[in-house]
PDB file of N, CA and C in Angstrom:
ATOM      1  N   MET A   1     -26.322 -12.011  14.167  1.00  0.00           N
ATOM      2  CA  MET A   1     -24.957 -11.541  13.998  1.00  0.00           C
ATOM      3  C   MET A   1     -24.008 -12.607  14.531  1.00  0.00           C
ATOM      4  N   GLU A   2     -22.986 -12.889  13.780  1.00  0.00           N
ATOM      5  CA  GLU A   2     -21.954 -13.840  14.196  1.00  0.00           C
ATOM      6  C   GLU A   2     -21.086 -13.203  15.294  1.00  0.00           C
ATOM      7  N   LEU A   3     -20.518 -14.047  16.142  1.00  0.00           N
ATOM      8  CA  LEU A   3     -19.684 -13.526  17.236  1.00  0.00           C
ATOM      9  C   LEU A   3     -18.470 -12.769  16.709  1.00  0.00           C
ATOM     10  N   ASN A   4     -17.836 -13.278  15.641  1.00  0.00           N
ATOM     11  CA  ASN A   4     -16.684 -12.568  15.077  1.00  0.00           C
ATOM     12  C   ASN A   4     -17.090 -11.198  14.550  1.00  0.00           C
ATOM     13  N   ALA A   5     -18.267 -11.125  13.930  1.00  0.00           N
ATOM     14  CA  ALA A   5     -18.753  -9.843  13.423  1.00  0.00           C
ATOM     15  C   ALA A   5     -19.035  -8.891  14.582  1.00  0.00           C
ATOM     16  N   LEU A   6     -19.561  -9.410  15.684  1.00  0.00           N
ATOM     17  CA  LEU A   6     -19.797  -8.577  16.864  1.00  0.00           C
ATOM     18  C   LEU A   6     -18.475  -8.013  17.377  1.00  0.00           C
ATOM     19  N   GLN A   7     -17.463  -8.858  17.478  1.00  0.00           N
ATOM     20  CA  GLN A   7     -16.161  -8.373  17.952  1.00  0.00           C
ATOM     21  C   GLN A   7     -15.595  -7.308  17.023  1.00  0.00           C
ATOM     22  N   GLN A   8     -15.719  -7.520  15.727  1.00  0.00           N
ATOM     23  CA  GLN A   8     -15.211  -6.540  14.769  1.00  0.00           C
ATOM     24  C   GLN A   8     -15.965  -5.215  14.886  1.00  0.00           C
ATOM     25  N   LEU A   9     -17.279  -5.293  15.042  1.00  0.00           N
ATOM     26  CA  LEU A   9     -18.082  -4.083  15.190  1.00  0.00           C
ATOM     27  C   LEU A   9     -17.719  -3.325  16.460  1.00  0.00           C
ATOM     28  N   MET A  10     -17.552  -4.035  17.570  1.00  0.00           N
ATOM     29  CA  MET A  10     -17.186  -3.382  18.827  1.00  0.00           C
ATOM     30  C   MET A  10     -15.797  -2.757  18.719  1.00  0.00           C
ATOM     31  N   ALA A  11     -14.879  -3.440  18.045  1.00  0.00           N
ATOM     32  CA  ALA A  11     -13.534  -2.883  17.860  1.00  0.00           C
ATOM     33  C   ALA A  11     -13.582  -1.609  17.028  1.00  0.00           C
ATOM     34  N   ALA A  12     -14.357  -1.622  15.955  1.00  0.00           N
ATOM     35  CA  ALA A  12     -14.456  -0.448  15.092  1.00  0.00           C
ATOM     36  C   ALA A  12     -15.173   0.703  15.796  1.00  0.00           C
ATOM     37  N   THR A  13     -16.194   0.389  16.578  1.00  0.00           N
ATOM     38  CA  THR A  13     -17.017   1.418  17.205  1.00  0.00           C
ATOM     39  C   THR A  13     -16.381   1.981  18.469  1.00  0.00           C
ATOM     40  N   TYR A  14     -15.851   1.106  19.323  1.00  0.00           N
ATOM     41  CA  TYR A  14     -15.372   1.529  20.643  1.00  0.00           C
ATOM     42  C   TYR A  14     -13.932   1.144  20.942  1.00  0.00           C
ATOM     43  N   GLY A  15     -13.246   0.516  20.006  1.00  0.00           N
ATOM     44  CA  GLY A  15     -11.931  -0.062  20.276  1.00  0.00           C
ATOM     45  C   GLY A  15     -10.921   0.881  20.901  1.00  0.00           C
ATOM     46  N   GLU A  16     -10.755   2.057  20.309  1.00  0.00           N
ATOM     47  CA  GLU A  16      -9.759   2.998  20.843  1.00  0.00           C
ATOM     48  C   GLU A  16     -10.150   3.469  22.239  1.00  0.00           C
ATOM     49  N   ARG A  17     -11.401   3.799  22.424  1.00  0.00           N
ATOM     50  CA  ARG A  17     -11.884   4.277  23.726  1.00  0.00           C
ATOM     51  C   ARG A  17     -11.737   3.181  24.786  1.00  0.00           C
ATOM     52  N   ASP A  18     -12.129   1.947  24.423  1.00  0.00           N
ATOM     53  CA  ASP A  18     -12.042   0.843  25.378  1.00  0.00           C
ATOM     54  C   ASP A  18     -10.592   0.517  25.716  1.00  0.00           C
ATOM     55  N   ALA A  19      -9.716   0.573  24.727  1.00  0.00           N
ATOM     56  CA  ALA A  19      -8.299   0.302  24.974  1.00  0.00           C
ATOM     57  C   ALA A  19      -7.712   1.352  25.920  1.00  0.00           C
ATOM     58  N   ALA A  20      -8.135   2.599  25.763  1.00  0.00           N
ATOM     59  CA  ALA A  20      -7.644   3.665  26.644  1.00  0.00           C
ATOM     60  C   ALA A  20      -8.122   3.450  28.081  1.00  0.00           C
ATOM     61  N   ARG A  21      -9.325   2.904  28.241  1.00  0.00           N
ATOM     62  CA  ARG A  21      -9.841   2.611  29.584  1.00  0.00           C
ATOM     63  C   ARG A  21      -9.084   1.454  30.215  1.00  0.00           C
ATOM     64  N   GLY A  22      -8.746   0.464  29.393  1.00  0.00           N
ATOM     65  CA  GLY A  22      -7.999  -0.691  29.877  1.00  0.00           C
ATOM     66  C   GLY A  22      -8.876  -1.874  30.239  1.00  0.00           C
ATOM     67  N   ARG A  23      -8.200  -2.987  30.447  1.00  0.00           N
ATOM     68  CA  ARG A  23      -8.878  -4.253  30.734  1.00  0.00           C
ATOM     69  C   ARG A  23      -9.658  -4.228  32.041  1.00  0.00           C
ATOM     70  N   GLN A  24      -9.057  -3.642  33.067  1.00  0.00           N
ATOM     71  CA  GLN A  24      -9.740  -3.611  34.365  1.00  0.00           C
ATOM     72  C   GLN A  24     -11.057  -2.857  34.277  1.00  0.00           C
ATOM     73  N   ALA A  25     -11.071  -1.766  33.521  1.00  0.00           N
ATOM     74  CA  ALA A  25     -12.309  -1.012  33.347  1.00  0.00           C
ATOM     75  C   ALA A  25     -13.317  -1.831  32.554  1.00  0.00           C
ATOM     76  N   ALA A  26     -12.856  -2.570  31.559  1.00  0.00           N
ATOM     77  CA  ALA A  26     -13.770  -3.411  30.773  1.00  0.00           C
ATOM     78  C   ALA A  26     -14.416  -4.473  31.661  1.00  0.00           C
ATOM     79  N   VAL A  27     -13.629  -5.069  32.539  1.00  0.00           N
ATOM     80  CA  VAL A  27     -14.175  -6.061  33.463  1.00  0.00           C
ATOM     81  C   VAL A  27     -15.182  -5.404  34.403  1.00  0.00           C
ATOM     82  N   ALA A  28     -14.877  -4.209  34.888  1.00  0.00           N
ATOM     83  CA  ALA A  28     -15.796  -3.500  35.781  1.00  0.00           C
ATOM     84  C   ALA A  28     -17.103  -3.168  35.066  1.00  0.00           C
ATOM     85  N   TRP A  29     -17.019  -2.673  33.820  1.00  0.00           N
ATOM     86  CA  TRP A  29     -18.230  -2.362  33.059  1.00  0.00           C
ATOM     87  C   TRP A  29     -19.028  -3.633  32.785  1.00  0.00           C
ATOM     88  N   LEU A  30     -18.342  -4.723  32.452  1.00  0.00           N
ATOM     89  CA  LEU A  30     -19.028  -5.991  32.209  1.00  0.00           C
ATOM     90  C   LEU A  30     -19.769  -6.445  33.465  1.00  0.00           C
ATOM     91  N   ALA A  31     -19.110  -6.343  34.605  1.00  0.00           N
ATOM     92  CA  ALA A  31     -19.748  -6.733  35.872  1.00  0.00           C
ATOM     93  C   ALA A  31     -20.960  -5.848  36.165  1.00  0.00           C
ATOM     94  N   GLU A  32     -20.835  -4.561  35.904  1.00  0.00           N
ATOM     95  CA  GLU A  32     -21.960  -3.650  36.129  1.00  0.00           C
ATOM     96  C   GLU A  32     -23.133  -4.003  35.226  1.00  0.00           C
ATOM     97  N   GLU A  33     -22.843  -4.272  33.963  1.00  0.00           N
ATOM     98  CA  GLU A  33     -23.906  -4.643  33.030  1.00  0.00           C
ATOM     99  C   GLU A  33     -24.536  -5.978  33.406  1.00  0.00           C
ATOM    100  N   LEU A  34     -23.736  -6.899  33.913  1.00  0.00           N
ATOM    101  CA  LEU A  34     -24.282  -8.182  34.363  1.00  0.00           C
ATOM    102  C   LEU A  34     -25.229  -7.972  35.544  1.00  0.00           C
ATOM    103  N   GLY A  35     -24.882  -7.067  36.435  1.00  0.00           N
ATOM    104  CA  GLY A  35     -25.771  -6.721  37.540  1.00  0.00           C
ATOM    105  C   GLY A  35     -27.070  -6.109  37.042  1.00  0.00           C
ATOM    106  N   GLU A  36     -26.989  -5.255  36.033  1.00  0.00           N
ATOM    107  CA  GLU A  36     -28.194  -4.663  35.460  1.00  0.00           C
ATOM    108  C   GLU A  36     -29.050  -5.733  34.785  1.00  0.00           C
ATOM    109  N   LEU A  37     -28.398  -6.715  34.161  1.00  0.00           N
ATOM    110  CA  LEU A  37     -29.138  -7.829  33.567  1.00  0.00           C
ATOM    111  C   LEU A  37     -29.847  -8.641  34.650  1.00  0.00           C
ATOM    112  N   ALA A  38     -29.156  -8.894  35.750  1.00  0.00           N
ATOM    113  CA  ALA A  38     -29.765  -9.644  36.848  1.00  0.00           C
ATOM    114  C   ALA A  38     -31.004  -8.917  37.372  1.00  0.00           C
ATOM    115  N   GLN A  39     -30.918  -7.617  37.504  1.00  0.00           N
ATOM    116  CA  GLN A  39     -32.064  -6.839  37.971  1.00  0.00           C
ATOM    117  C   GLN A  39     -33.198  -6.878  36.954  1.00  0.00           C
ATOM    118  N   ALA A  40     -32.861  -6.787  35.667  1.00  0.00           N
ATOM    119  CA  ALA A  40     -33.888  -6.840  34.624  1.00  0.00           C
ATOM    120  C   ALA A  40     -34.564  -8.207  34.587  1.00  0.00           C
ATOM    121  N   VAL A  41     -33.809  -9.266  34.841  1.00  0.00           N
ATOM    122  CA  VAL A  41     -34.401 -10.606  34.875  1.00  0.00           C
ATOM    123  C   VAL A  41     -35.384 -10.709  36.035  1.00  0.00           C
ATOM    124  N   ARG A  42     -35.011 -10.136  37.171  1.00  0.00           N
ATOM    125  CA  ARG A  42     -35.870 -10.212  38.357  1.00  0.00           C
ATOM    126  C   ARG A  42     -37.099  -9.319  38.249  1.00  0.00           C
ATOM    127  N   LYS A  43     -36.912  -8.097  37.742  1.00  0.00           N
ATOM    128  CA  LYS A  43     -37.977  -7.100  37.841  1.00  0.00           C
ATOM    129  C   LYS A  43     -38.340  -6.426  36.526  1.00  0.00           C
ATOM    130  N   GLY A  44     -37.618  -6.716  35.467  1.00  0.00           N
ATOM    131  CA  GLY A  44     -37.794  -5.962  34.236  1.00  0.00           C
ATOM    132  C   GLY A  44     -38.694  -6.621  33.213  1.00  0.00           C
ATOM    133  N   SER A  45     -38.953  -5.867  32.181  1.00  0.00           N
ATOM    134  CA  SER A  45     -39.751  -6.346  31.057  1.00  0.00           C
ATOM    135  C   SER A  45     -38.850  -7.120  30.094  1.00  0.00           C
ATOM    136  N   PRO A  46     -39.443  -7.874  29.189  1.00  0.00           N
ATOM    137  CA  PRO A  46     -38.618  -8.543  28.170  1.00  0.00           C
ATOM    138  C   PRO A  46     -37.768  -7.554  27.359  1.00  0.00           C
ATOM    139  N   GLU A  47     -38.283  -6.365  27.123  1.00  0.00           N
ATOM    140  CA  GLU A  47     -37.508  -5.360  26.386  1.00  0.00           C
ATOM    141  C   GLU A  47     -36.283  -4.918  27.184  1.00  0.00           C
ATOM    142  N   GLN A  48     -36.441  -4.731  28.492  1.00  0.00           N
ATOM    143  CA  GLN A  48     -35.303  -4.362  29.349  1.00  0.00           C
ATOM    144  C   GLN A  48     -34.292  -5.508  29.412  1.00  0.00           C
ATOM    145  N   GLN A  49     -34.775  -6.718  29.494  1.00  0.00           N
ATOM    146  CA  GLN A  49     -33.892  -7.880  29.532  1.00  0.00           C
ATOM    147  C   GLN A  49     -33.094  -7.979  28.243  1.00  0.00           C
ATOM    148  N   LEU A  50     -33.746  -7.772  27.111  1.00  0.00           N
ATOM    149  CA  LEU A  50     -33.069  -7.814  25.818  1.00  0.00           C
ATOM    150  C   LEU A  50     -31.997  -6.728  25.718  1.00  0.00           C
ATOM    151  N   HIS A  51     -32.332  -5.526  26.197  1.00  0.00           N
ATOM    152  CA  HIS A  51     -31.385  -4.411  26.204  1.00  0.00           C
ATOM    153  C   HIS A  51     -30.143  -4.770  27.015  1.00  0.00           C
ATOM    154  N   GLU A  52     -30.334  -5.299  28.203  1.00  0.00           N
ATOM    155  CA  GLU A  52     -29.206  -5.632  29.075  1.00  0.00           C
ATOM    156  C   GLU A  52     -28.400  -6.810  28.539  1.00  0.00           C
ATOM    157  N   LEU A  53     -29.067  -7.787  27.920  1.00  0.00           N
ATOM    158  CA  LEU A  53     -28.314  -8.881  27.279  1.00  0.00           C
ATOM    159  C   LEU A  53     -27.379  -8.326  26.212  1.00  0.00           C
ATOM    160  N   GLY A  54     -27.874  -7.374  25.434  1.00  0.00           N
ATOM    161  CA  GLY A  54     -27.042  -6.744  24.408  1.00  0.00           C
ATOM    162  C   GLY A  54     -25.842  -6.028  25.002  1.00  0.00           C
ATOM    163  N   ASP A  55     -26.060  -5.310  26.107  1.00  0.00           N
ATOM    164  CA  ASP A  55     -24.961  -4.597  26.761  1.00  0.00           C
ATOM    165  C   ASP A  55     -23.910  -5.571  27.292  1.00  0.00           C
ATOM    166  N   VAL A  56     -24.359  -6.681  27.886  1.00  0.00           N
ATOM    167  CA  VAL A  56     -23.415  -7.683  28.397  1.00  0.00           C
ATOM    168  C   VAL A  56     -22.589  -8.256  27.247  1.00  0.00           C
ATOM    169  N   LEU A  57     -23.247  -8.596  26.148  1.00  0.00           N
ATOM    170  CA  LEU A  57     -22.518  -9.140  24.998  1.00  0.00           C
ATOM    171  C   LEU A  57     -21.521  -8.135  24.431  1.00  0.00           C
ATOM    172  N   ALA A  58     -21.922  -6.870  24.375  1.00  0.00           N
ATOM    173  CA  ALA A  58     -21.023  -5.838  23.841  1.00  0.00           C
ATOM    174  C   ALA A  58     -19.772  -5.704  24.701  1.00  0.00           C
ATOM    175  N   TRP A  59     -19.937  -5.664  26.029  1.00  0.00           N
ATOM    176  CA  TRP A  59     -18.776  -5.542  26.909  1.00  0.00           C
ATOM    177  C   TRP A  59     -17.933  -6.807  26.906  1.00  0.00           C
ATOM    178  N   LEU A  60     -18.563  -7.964  26.764  1.00  0.00           N
ATOM    179  CA  LEU A  60     -17.810  -9.210  26.666  1.00  0.00           C
ATOM    180  C   LEU A  60     -16.968  -9.213  25.397  1.00  0.00           C
ATOM    181  N   ALA A  61     -17.541  -8.739  24.302  1.00  0.00           N
ATOM    182  CA  ALA A  61     -16.797  -8.646  23.050  1.00  0.00           C
ATOM    183  C   ALA A  61     -15.635  -7.666  23.179  1.00  0.00           C
ATOM    184  N   SER A  62     -15.871  -6.540  23.847  1.00  0.00           N
ATOM    185  CA  SER A  62     -14.802  -5.565  24.052  1.00  0.00           C
ATOM    186  C   SER A  62     -13.661  -6.154  24.868  1.00  0.00           C
ATOM    187  N   LEU A  63     -14.014  -6.879  25.921  1.00  0.00           N
ATOM    188  CA  LEU A  63     -12.977  -7.502  26.749  1.00  0.00           C
ATOM    189  C   LEU A  63     -12.199  -8.537  25.941  1.00  0.00           C
ATOM    190  N   ALA A  64     -12.894  -9.348  25.172  1.00  0.00           N
ATOM    191  CA  ALA A  64     -12.217 -10.338  24.330  1.00  0.00           C
ATOM    192  C   ALA A  64     -11.256  -9.643  23.369  1.00  0.00           C
ATOM    193  N   ASN A  65     -11.678  -8.531  22.787  1.00  0.00           N
ATOM    194  CA  ASN A  65     -10.799  -7.779  21.888  1.00  0.00           C
ATOM    195  C   ASN A  65      -9.549  -7.308  22.617  1.00  0.00           C
ATOM    196  N   GLN A  66      -9.721  -6.774  23.810  1.00  0.00           N
ATOM    197  CA  GLN A  66      -8.571  -6.269  24.564  1.00  0.00           C
ATOM    198  C   GLN A  66      -7.618  -7.388  24.972  1.00  0.00           C
ATOM    199  N   LEU A  67      -8.157  -8.584  25.153  1.00  0.00           N
ATOM    200  CA  LEU A  67      -7.326  -9.734  25.511  1.00  0.00           C
ATOM    201  C   LEU A  67      -6.723 -10.406  24.280  1.00  0.00           C
ATOM    202  N   GLY A  68      -7.167  -9.978  23.100  1.00  0.00           N
ATOM    203  CA  GLY A  68      -6.677 -10.582  21.866  1.00  0.00           C
ATOM    204  C   GLY A  68      -7.216 -11.995  21.665  1.00  0.00           C
ATOM    205  N   LEU A  69      -8.421 -12.241  22.171  1.00  0.00           N
ATOM    206  CA  LEU A  69      -9.024 -13.571  22.095  1.00  0.00           C
ATOM    207  C   LEU A  69     -10.299 -13.535  21.276  1.00  0.00           C
ATOM    208  N   SER A  70     -10.687 -14.694  20.777  1.00  0.00           N
ATOM    209  CA  SER A  70     -11.865 -14.830  19.944  1.00  0.00           C
ATOM    210  C   SER A  70     -13.018 -15.440  20.736  1.00  0.00           C
ATOM    211  N   LEU A  71     -14.166 -14.772  20.711  1.00  0.00           N
ATOM    212  CA  LEU A  71     -15.355 -15.340  21.342  1.00  0.00           C
ATOM    213  C   LEU A  71     -15.772 -16.630  20.636  1.00  0.00           C
ATOM    214  N   GLU A  72     -15.586 -16.689  19.321  1.00  0.00           N
ATOM    215  CA  GLU A  72     -15.898 -17.913  18.570  1.00  0.00           C
ATOM    216  C   GLU A  72     -15.074 -19.081  19.110  1.00  0.00           C
ATOM    217  N   GLU A  73     -13.792 -18.834  19.326  1.00  0.00           N
ATOM    218  CA  GLU A  73     -12.930 -19.883  19.884  1.00  0.00           C
ATOM    219  C   GLU A  73     -13.349 -20.241  21.304  1.00  0.00           C
ATOM    220  N   ALA A  74     -13.673 -19.225  22.092  1.00  0.00           N
ATOM    221  CA  ALA A  74     -14.047 -19.464  23.488  1.00  0.00           C
ATOM    222  C   ALA A  74     -15.288 -20.340  23.591  1.00  0.00           C
ATOM    223  N   VAL A  75     -16.285 -20.056  22.776  1.00  0.00           N
ATOM    224  CA  VAL A  75     -17.519 -20.820  22.842  1.00  0.00           C
ATOM    225  C   VAL A  75     -17.371 -22.178  22.145  1.00  0.00           C
ATOM    226  N   GLY A  76     -16.310 -22.333  21.389  1.00  0.00           N
ATOM    227  CA  GLY A  76     -16.061 -23.590  20.690  1.00  0.00           C
ATOM    228  C   GLY A  76     -15.960 -24.791  21.614  1.00  0.00           C
ATOM    229  N   ARG A  77     -15.591 -24.559  22.847  1.00  0.00           N
ATOM    230  CA  ARG A  77     -15.494 -25.694  23.775  1.00  0.00           C
ATOM    231  C   ARG A  77     -16.852 -26.324  24.054  1.00  0.00           C
ATOM    232  N   TYR A  78     -17.939 -25.642  23.697  1.00  0.00           N
ATOM    233  CA  TYR A  78     -19.287 -26.181  23.876  1.00  0.00           C
ATOM    234  C   TYR A  78     -19.865 -26.751  22.577  1.00  0.00           C
ATOM    235  N   ALA A  79     -19.090 -26.745  21.506  1.00  0.00           N
ATOM    236  CA  ALA A  79     -19.589 -27.179  20.196  1.00  0.00           C
ATOM    237  C   ALA A  79     -20.038 -28.638  20.196  1.00  0.00           C
ATOM    238  N   GLY A  80     -19.425 -29.457  21.015  1.00  0.00           N
ATOM    239  CA  GLY A  80     -19.790 -30.864  21.076  1.00  0.00           C
ATOM    240  C   GLY A  80     -20.729 -31.197  22.213  1.00  0.00           C
ATOM    241  N   GLY A  81     -21.320 -30.177  22.814  1.00  0.00           N
ATOM    242  CA  GLY A  81     -22.191 -30.383  23.971  1.00  0.00           C
ATOM    243  C   GLY A  81     -21.460 -30.012  25.245  1.00  0.00           C
ATOM    244  N   CYS A  82     -21.796 -30.679  26.320  1.00  0.00           N
ATOM    245  CA  CYS A  82     -21.165 -30.416  27.608  1.00  0.00           C
ATOM    246  C   CYS A  82     -19.661 -30.662  27.504  1.00  0.00           C
ATOM    247  N   PRO A  83     -18.836 -29.691  27.894  1.00  0.00           N
ATOM    248  CA  PRO A  83     -17.388 -29.893  27.809  1.00  0.00           C
ATOM    249  C   PRO A  83     -16.866 -31.011  28.718  1.00  0.00           C
ATOM    250  N   SER A  84     -17.618 -31.349  29.750  1.00  0.00           N
ATOM    251  CA  SER A  84     -17.162 -32.403  30.666  1.00  0.00           C
ATOM    252  C   SER A  84     -17.533 -33.796  30.200  1.00  0.00           C
ATOM    253  N   CYS A  85     -18.814 -33.993  29.824  1.00  0.00           N
ATOM    254  CA  CYS A  85     -19.245 -35.335  29.458  1.00  0.00           C
ATOM    255  C   CYS A  85     -19.459 -35.508  27.953  1.00  0.00           C
ATOM    256  N   GLY A  86     -19.517 -34.417  27.210  1.00  0.00           N
ATOM    257  CA  GLY A  86     -19.707 -34.471  25.770  1.00  0.00           C
ATOM    258  C   GLY A  86     -21.121 -34.784  25.331  1.00  0.00           C
ATOM    259  N   SER A  87     -22.054 -34.762  26.245  1.00  0.00           N
ATOM    260  CA  SER A  87     -23.441 -35.116  25.916  1.00  0.00           C
ATOM    261  C   SER A  87     -24.313 -33.882  25.704  1.00  0.00           C
ATOM    262  N   VAL A  88     -25.367 -34.076  24.886  1.00  0.00           N
ATOM    263  CA  VAL A  88     -26.421 -33.097  24.710  1.00  0.00           C
ATOM    264  C   VAL A  88     -27.739 -33.824  24.858  1.00  0.00           C
ATOM    265  N   PRO A  89     -28.514 -33.596  25.908  1.00  0.00           N
ATOM    266  CA  PRO A  89     -28.225 -32.693  27.014  1.00  0.00           C
ATOM    267  C   PRO A  89     -27.143 -33.250  27.927  1.00  0.00           C
ATOM    268  N   CYS A  90     -26.638 -32.394  28.772  1.00  0.00           N
ATOM    269  CA  CYS A  90     -25.583 -32.778  29.711  1.00  0.00           C
ATOM    270  C   CYS A  90     -26.022 -33.986  30.526  1.00  0.00           C
ATOM    271  N   ASP A  91     -25.087 -34.931  30.685  1.00  0.00           N
ATOM    272  CA  ASP A  91     -25.356 -36.159  31.426  1.00  0.00           C
ATOM    273  C   ASP A  91     -24.488 -36.258  32.688  1.00  0.00           C
ATOM    274  N   CYS A  92     -23.895 -35.120  33.068  1.00  0.00           N
ATOM    275  CA  CYS A  92     -23.060 -35.116  34.266  1.00  0.00           C
ATOM    276  C   CYS A  92     -23.922 -35.391  35.498  1.00  0.00           C
ATOM    277  N   PRO A  93     -23.329 -36.053  36.496  1.00  0.00           N
ATOM    278  CA  PRO A  93     -24.094 -36.322  37.721  1.00  0.00           C
ATOM    279  C   PRO A  93     -24.416 -35.040  38.473  1.00  0.00           C
TER     280      PRO A  93
END
C-alpha cells in the first residue's frame, strides 16, 4: 500500500472520530502504540510485531492527516539516501 493510499484510508475510516479526539490525543495514541511495538520487539512474536507496526503506521497516518501533511512528502527527505550526507549507505561519521 502506498503511503498516500494509507492516509486516504485512515481519513475515510477514522477521520471524523480522530478529528474529534484532536491532535494531542493522536500523539498520545501514537506514543502508546509505539510502546506496544517496543514491547513486541523485545518479547513478542513476529505476528505481534507486525500487528503493532501496523498500528503505529495507522496512528502516524492519522496524525499526518490532522496536521494536513503528507507522509509521502515527509519521507521524501530520505529519497536520496541519508539527509545529512546524501549517501547510501550513510557515510556520516
